Amino acid sequence: MSSEAGEFLDTLYEIGALLVFDWGEWNEEAERLFNDPASLASADEVTLRKLLHFHARKDHFSESHFAEMLNSGHINGILRRLKELHT
């Protein structure tokens, strides 16, 4: 992961953007949101924060996962939706 991506991930933790929950049981939902842009585009804030937490934690066990989500544009999609909900 690039240093910028690592700093971004650290910032998500620091500002409390990640919603702590039992992320290990959420793999199917995370995959659905990754594979279905329409579902991601209509997701609520709680779901988006769970998704960020899921990807951050998954990266802890599967190095480069978060970088892959960044490179795929998925993290940007999450951030776009969060911005949409807050504007």
Protein backbone atom coordinates (compact mmCIF):
# COMPACT_ATOMS: atom_id res chain seq x y z
CA MET A 1 0.00 0.00 0.00
CA SER A 2 1.28 3.46 -0.80
CA SER A 3 2.13 5.78 2.06
CA GLU A 4 -0.81 8.01 1.09
CA ALA A 5 -3.22 5.07 1.23
CA GLY A 6 -1.80 4.05 4.59
CA GLU A 7 -2.22 7.58 5.91
CA PHE A 8 -5.79 7.66 4.62
CA LEU A 9 -6.56 4.38 6.39
CA ASP A 10 -4.96 5.67 9.59
CA THR A 11 -7.06 8.83 9.34
CA LEU A 12 -10.26 6.79 9.02
CA TYR A 13 -9.40 5.11 12.31
CA GLU A 14 -8.36 8.35 13.99
CA ILE A 15 -11.51 10.31 13.14
CA GLY A 16 -13.85 7.47 14.07
CA ALA A 17 -15.22 7.06 10.55
CA LEU A 18 -15.24 3.29 10.84
CA LEU A 19 -18.29 1.75 12.44
CA VAL A 20 -17.14 -1.09 14.67
CA PHE A 21 -19.24 -4.25 14.30
CA ASP A 22 -18.82 -8.00 13.69
CA TRP A 23 -17.32 -7.53 10.25
CA GLY A 24 -16.39 -11.20 9.87
CA GLU A 25 -20.04 -12.10 9.38
CA TRP A 26 -20.55 -9.41 6.75
CA ASN A 27 -18.60 -10.82 3.78
CA GLU A 28 -21.67 -11.54 1.62
CA GLU A 29 -23.06 -8.03 2.09
CA ALA A 30 -19.67 -6.45 1.36
CA GLU A 31 -19.36 -8.50 -1.84
CA ARG A 32 -22.89 -7.55 -2.89
CA LEU A 33 -22.13 -3.85 -2.44
CA PHE A 34 -18.84 -4.23 -4.31
CA ASN A 35 -20.50 -6.03 -7.23
CA ASP A 36 -23.66 -3.91 -7.42
CA PRO A 37 -22.91 -0.21 -7.96
CA ALA A 38 -26.63 0.64 -7.73
CA SER A 39 -26.79 -0.77 -4.20
CA LEU A 40 -23.68 1.15 -3.22
CA ALA A 41 -25.13 4.33 -4.73
CA SER A 42 -28.21 4.02 -2.52
CA ALA A 43 -26.51 2.81 0.67
CA ASP A 44 -27.09 4.65 3.94
CA GLU A 45 -24.35 6.10 6.14
CA VAL A 46 -24.29 3.18 8.57
CA THR A 47 -23.81 0.71 5.73
CA LEU A 48 -21.04 2.82 4.19
CA ARG A 49 -19.19 3.12 7.50
CA LYS A 50 -19.53 -0.63 8.02
CA LEU A 51 -18.13 -1.17 4.54
CA LEU A 52 -15.12 1.04 5.26
CA HIS A 53 -14.54 -0.86 8.51
CA PHE A 54 -14.89 -4.19 6.70
CA HIS A 55 -12.24 -3.24 4.14
CA ALA A 56 -9.89 -1.81 6.77
CA ARG A 57 -10.10 -4.94 8.91
CA LYS A 58 -9.88 -7.29 5.96
CA ASP A 59 -6.64 -5.53 4.99
CA HIS A 60 -5.24 -6.43 8.40
CA PHE A 61 -5.59 -10.13 7.53
CA SER A 62 -5.19 -9.93 3.75
CA GLU A 63 -2.44 -7.44 3.04
CA SER A 64 -3.15 -5.20 0.04
CA HIS A 65 -6.94 -5.65 0.28
CA PHE A 66 -7.50 -1.96 1.05
CA ALA A 67 -5.15 -0.91 -1.76
CA GLU A 68 -7.08 -3.18 -4.15
CA MET A 69 -10.34 -1.54 -3.08
CA LEU A 70 -8.78 1.88 -3.68
CA ASN A 71 -7.45 0.88 -7.09
CA SER A 72 -10.80 -0.60 -8.12
CA GLY A 73 -12.57 2.69 -7.38
CA HIS A 74 -14.74 1.07 -4.72
CA ILE A 75 -13.46 3.26 -1.87
CA ASN A 76 -14.04 6.32 -4.05
CA GLY A 77 -17.60 5.14 -4.61
CA ILE A 78 -18.12 4.86 -0.86
CA LEU A 79 -16.71 8.35 -0.31
CA ARG A 80 -18.83 9.82 -3.13
CA ARG A 81 -21.96 8.37 -1.56
CA LEU A 82 -21.00 9.68 1.89
CA LYS A 83 -20.45 13.12 0.40
CA GLU A 84 -23.82 12.91 -1.34
CA LEU A 85 -25.52 12.08 1.96
CA HIS A 86 -23.89 15.04 3.69
CA THR A 87 -24.48 17.75 1.09
